């Protein structure tokens, strides 16, 4: 986000800051993480896996850069998607200097997670957000922050409005971990915690 001397820009920054603060306060959810989960099948009953696609067993642990294929169900659509967490990097709270944050949020540790997503079919998944969570040292699943407007260090959270079978998208997601917590893994959770796919940075 860049500095501007115009009132509209300041208003937009304030709106984005309010949205960030609300999501930060409301969306973190505590969910126990599986310890040494046994990989299991993660294909919904009645779903026909597209030809040539292999679903990654739930509970799989991966290194950053390795792909995983899961079945993702959203309202009115179910499709196989291949997700690769390509980079996990620590950010800086200086990047949020134009946001109006509360005292606790200002002490957070930001992380930027980049991922590629391919829709293997058969349904379109336009405009949806992936269930990618940051699992922290307290075994809390922290969701990506929903930032209004353009956040230059990490700009793209949702899939494109049109994301048909065969399409590939590149995402960047922002996570703010509360003070004193460290990042354990990035988890793709389309079902239970035991079925989550985890990338360890």
Protein backbone atom coordinates (compact mmCIF):
# COMPACT_ATOMS: atom_id res chain seq x y z
CA UNK A 1 0.00 0.00 0.00
CA UNK A 2 1.54 3.36 -0.99
CA UNK A 3 1.35 6.75 0.71
CA UNK A 4 -1.01 9.25 -0.88
CA UNK A 5 -1.90 12.83 0.00
CA UNK A 6 -5.48 12.60 -1.32
CA UNK A 7 -8.44 12.14 1.01
CA UNK A 8 -9.97 9.21 -0.96
CA UNK A 9 -6.74 7.24 -0.57
CA UNK A 10 -6.67 7.90 3.17
CA UNK A 11 -10.31 6.82 3.42
CA UNK A 12 -9.55 3.61 1.53
CA UNK A 13 -6.63 2.89 3.83
CA UNK A 14 -8.85 3.42 6.87
CA UNK A 15 -11.48 1.08 5.46
CA UNK A 16 -8.85 -1.59 4.78
CA UNK A 17 -7.44 -1.16 8.27
CA UNK A 18 -10.88 -1.61 9.83
CA UNK A 19 -11.49 -4.77 7.82
CA UNK A 20 -8.11 -6.19 8.78
CA UNK A 21 -8.65 -5.47 12.46
CA UNK A 22 -12.09 -7.09 12.45
CA UNK A 23 -10.91 -10.23 10.68
CA UNK A 24 -7.86 -10.51 12.90
CA UNK A 25 -10.02 -10.34 16.01
CA UNK A 26 -12.84 -12.58 14.85
CA UNK A 27 -11.49 -15.33 12.65
CA UNK A 28 -8.74 -17.17 14.52
CA UNK A 29 -10.05 -20.54 15.64
CA UNK A 30 -8.52 -23.05 17.98
CA UNK A 31 -8.55 -26.53 16.53
CA UNK A 32 -6.28 -29.30 17.80
CA UNK A 33 -3.81 -30.49 15.20
CA UNK A 34 -3.27 -34.20 14.58
CA UNK A 35 -0.05 -35.69 15.88
CA UNK A 36 1.48 -38.12 13.41
CA UNK A 37 -1.85 -38.57 11.61
CA UNK A 38 -2.23 -41.72 9.57
CA UNK A 39 -2.90 -40.87 5.90
CA UNK A 40 -6.48 -41.66 4.91
CA UNK A 41 -8.60 -41.40 1.79
CA UNK A 42 -10.17 -37.95 1.42
CA UNK A 43 -12.60 -38.38 -1.49
CA UNK A 44 -16.29 -37.62 -0.83
CA UNK A 45 -18.72 -40.42 -1.51
CA UNK A 46 -20.16 -40.17 -5.01
CA UNK A 47 -17.38 -37.97 -6.40
CA UNK A 48 -15.77 -39.28 -9.58
CA UNK A 49 -12.11 -38.36 -9.60
CA UNK A 50 -11.14 -37.04 -13.05
CA UNK A 51 -9.08 -39.37 -15.23
CA UNK A 52 -5.36 -39.06 -14.60
CA UNK A 53 -5.82 -37.34 -11.23
CA UNK A 54 -4.58 -38.93 -8.00
CA UNK A 55 -5.91 -37.64 -4.69
CA UNK A 56 -3.30 -37.07 -1.98
CA UNK A 57 -4.10 -39.05 1.19
CA UNK A 58 -5.31 -36.97 4.10
CA UNK A 59 -2.71 -36.41 6.80
CA UNK A 60 0.16 -36.19 4.32
CA UNK A 61 3.12 -33.98 5.33
CA UNK A 62 5.01 -32.20 2.56
CA UNK A 63 7.97 -29.93 2.02
CA UNK A 64 7.35 -26.47 0.57
CA UNK A 65 7.33 -26.80 -3.21
CA UNK A 66 5.61 -30.20 -3.29
CA UNK A 67 2.06 -30.48 -4.72
CA UNK A 68 -1.02 -32.04 -3.16
CA UNK A 69 -4.33 -32.84 -4.83
CA UNK A 70 -7.56 -32.73 -2.83
CA UNK A 71 -11.29 -32.62 -3.48
CA UNK A 72 -12.69 -29.22 -2.61
CA UNK A 73 -16.41 -28.80 -1.98
CA UNK A 74 -18.01 -25.36 -1.99
CA UNK A 75 -21.65 -24.42 -2.21
CA UNK A 76 -22.96 -25.78 -5.50
CA UNK A 77 -19.62 -27.14 -6.77
CA UNK A 78 -17.13 -29.94 -6.10
CA UNK A 79 -13.82 -30.20 -7.90
CA UNK A 80 -10.36 -31.68 -7.56
CA UNK A 81 -7.63 -29.08 -7.10
CA UNK A 82 -3.86 -29.39 -7.01
CA UNK A 83 -2.25 -27.00 -4.54
CA UNK A 84 1.45 -26.25 -4.15
CA UNK A 85 2.68 -24.03 -1.34
CA UNK A 86 5.66 -22.48 -3.11
CA UNK A 87 7.00 -20.02 -0.54
CA UNK A 88 6.55 -19.14 3.12
CA UNK A 89 8.25 -15.95 4.26
CA UNK A 90 8.21 -13.83 7.38
CA UNK A 91 6.87 -10.34 6.78
CA UNK A 92 7.29 -7.14 8.73
CA UNK A 93 4.74 -5.17 10.72
CA UNK A 94 6.21 -2.11 8.98
CA UNK A 95 4.21 -3.29 5.97
CA UNK A 96 1.05 -2.49 7.98
CA UNK A 97 2.09 1.00 9.06
CA UNK A 98 -0.86 2.61 7.25
CA UNK A 99 -3.36 0.32 8.98
CA UNK A 100 -5.14 1.29 12.17
CA UNK A 101 -4.41 -1.76 14.34
CA UNK A 102 -5.02 -2.42 18.01
CA UNK A 103 -2.10 -2.84 20.39
CA UNK A 104 -2.21 -6.64 20.37
CA UNK A 105 -2.30 -6.89 16.59
CA UNK A 106 0.69 -4.55 16.28
CA UNK A 107 2.73 -7.18 18.13
CA UNK A 108 1.81 -9.95 15.66
CA UNK A 109 4.25 -11.85 13.48
CA UNK A 110 3.15 -11.59 9.83
CA UNK A 111 3.73 -14.37 7.30
CA UNK A 112 3.18 -14.28 3.55
CA UNK A 113 2.36 -17.60 1.92
CA UNK A 114 2.47 -18.05 -1.84
CA UNK A 115 0.71 -20.94 -3.52
CA UNK A 116 -0.28 -22.14 -6.98
CA UNK A 117 -3.65 -23.79 -7.55
CA UNK A 118 -4.81 -25.82 -10.54
CA UNK A 119 -8.44 -26.77 -11.04
CA UNK A 120 -8.42 -30.43 -12.13
CA UNK A 121 -12.20 -30.49 -12.61
CA UNK A 122 -14.97 -31.11 -13.13
CA UNK A 123 -16.52 -27.92 -11.64
CA UNK A 124 -15.66 -24.24 -11.73
CA UNK A 125 -14.52 -22.65 -8.46
CA UNK A 126 -14.42 -18.97 -9.34
CA UNK A 127 -14.08 -16.42 -6.56
CA UNK A 128 -13.65 -18.90 -3.72
CA UNK A 129 -10.95 -18.87 -1.05
CA UNK A 130 -8.86 -21.93 -0.28
CA UNK A 131 -9.07 -23.40 3.23
CA UNK A 132 -5.35 -22.82 3.86
CA UNK A 133 -4.51 -22.18 7.51
CA UNK A 134 -1.37 -21.28 9.42
CA UNK A 135 -0.97 -23.78 12.24
CA UNK A 136 0.84 -22.08 15.11
CA UNK A 137 2.78 -23.34 18.12
CA UNK A 138 -0.40 -23.48 20.23
CA UNK A 139 -2.03 -25.81 17.64
CA UNK A 140 -4.39 -23.01 16.61
CA UNK A 141 -5.48 -22.83 12.97
CA UNK A 142 -5.10 -19.16 11.99
CA UNK A 143 -7.03 -18.22 8.81
CA UNK A 144 -5.68 -15.89 6.17
CA UNK A 145 -6.54 -12.24 6.76
CA UNK A 146 -9.06 -10.69 4.41
CA UNK A 147 -7.62 -7.31 3.47
CA UNK A 148 -9.75 -4.81 1.59
CA UNK A 149 -7.99 -3.11 -1.28
CA UNK A 150 -4.49 -3.71 -2.64
CA UNK A 151 -1.81 -4.89 -0.22
CA UNK A 152 1.35 -4.68 -2.28
CA UNK A 153 3.56 -7.16 -0.35
CA UNK A 154 0.98 -9.96 -0.76
CA UNK A 155 -1.95 -9.01 -2.98
CA UNK A 156 -4.07 -12.00 -4.05
CA UNK A 157 -6.11 -14.11 -1.61
CA UNK A 158 -9.08 -15.49 -3.59
CA UNK A 159 -9.25 -17.51 -6.77
CA UNK A 160 -10.13 -15.61 -9.97
CA UNK A 161 -13.80 -14.88 -10.64
CA UNK A 162 -13.63 -17.43 -13.44
CA UNK A 163 -11.66 -20.52 -12.43
CA UNK A 164 -12.71 -23.31 -14.74
CA UNK A 165 -11.22 -26.82 -15.07
CA UNK A 166 -7.68 -26.62 -16.43
CA UNK A 167 -7.06 -23.11 -15.05
CA UNK A 168 -4.11 -22.29 -12.78
CA UNK A 169 -3.89 -19.36 -10.36
CA UNK A 170 -1.17 -17.92 -8.13
CA UNK A 171 -2.21 -16.74 -4.69
CA UNK A 172 -0.54 -14.90 -1.84
CA UNK A 173 -2.09 -15.07 1.61
CA UNK A 174 -1.40 -12.97 4.73
CA UNK A 175 -1.35 -14.49 8.21
CA UNK A 176 -0.89 -12.55 11.44
CA UNK A 177 0.23 -14.83 14.26
CA UNK A 178 -0.36 -13.50 17.77
CA UNK A 179 2.62 -12.39 19.84
CA UNK A 180 4.75 -15.21 21.19
CA UNK A 181 3.53 -17.84 18.73
CA UNK A 182 5.57 -19.45 15.96
CA UNK A 183 4.56 -21.04 12.68
CA UNK A 184 4.47 -24.84 12.61
CA UNK A 185 2.99 -25.54 9.18
CA UNK A 186 0.62 -24.37 6.46
CA UNK A 187 -2.40 -26.68 6.42
CA UNK A 188 -4.85 -27.32 3.59
CA UNK A 189 -7.97 -28.50 5.40
CA UNK A 190 -10.91 -29.50 3.23
CA UNK A 191 -12.32 -31.88 5.87
CA UNK A 192 -11.24 -32.73 9.40
CA UNK A 193 -7.95 -31.75 11.04
CA UNK A 194 -6.81 -35.37 10.70
CA UNK A 195 -7.26 -35.15 6.92
CA UNK A 196 -5.36 -31.87 6.52
CA UNK A 197 -2.37 -31.71 4.19
CA UNK A 198 0.53 -29.89 5.87
CA UNK A 199 3.53 -28.08 4.40
CA UNK A 200 6.34 -27.52 6.89
CA UNK A 201 8.38 -24.38 6.15
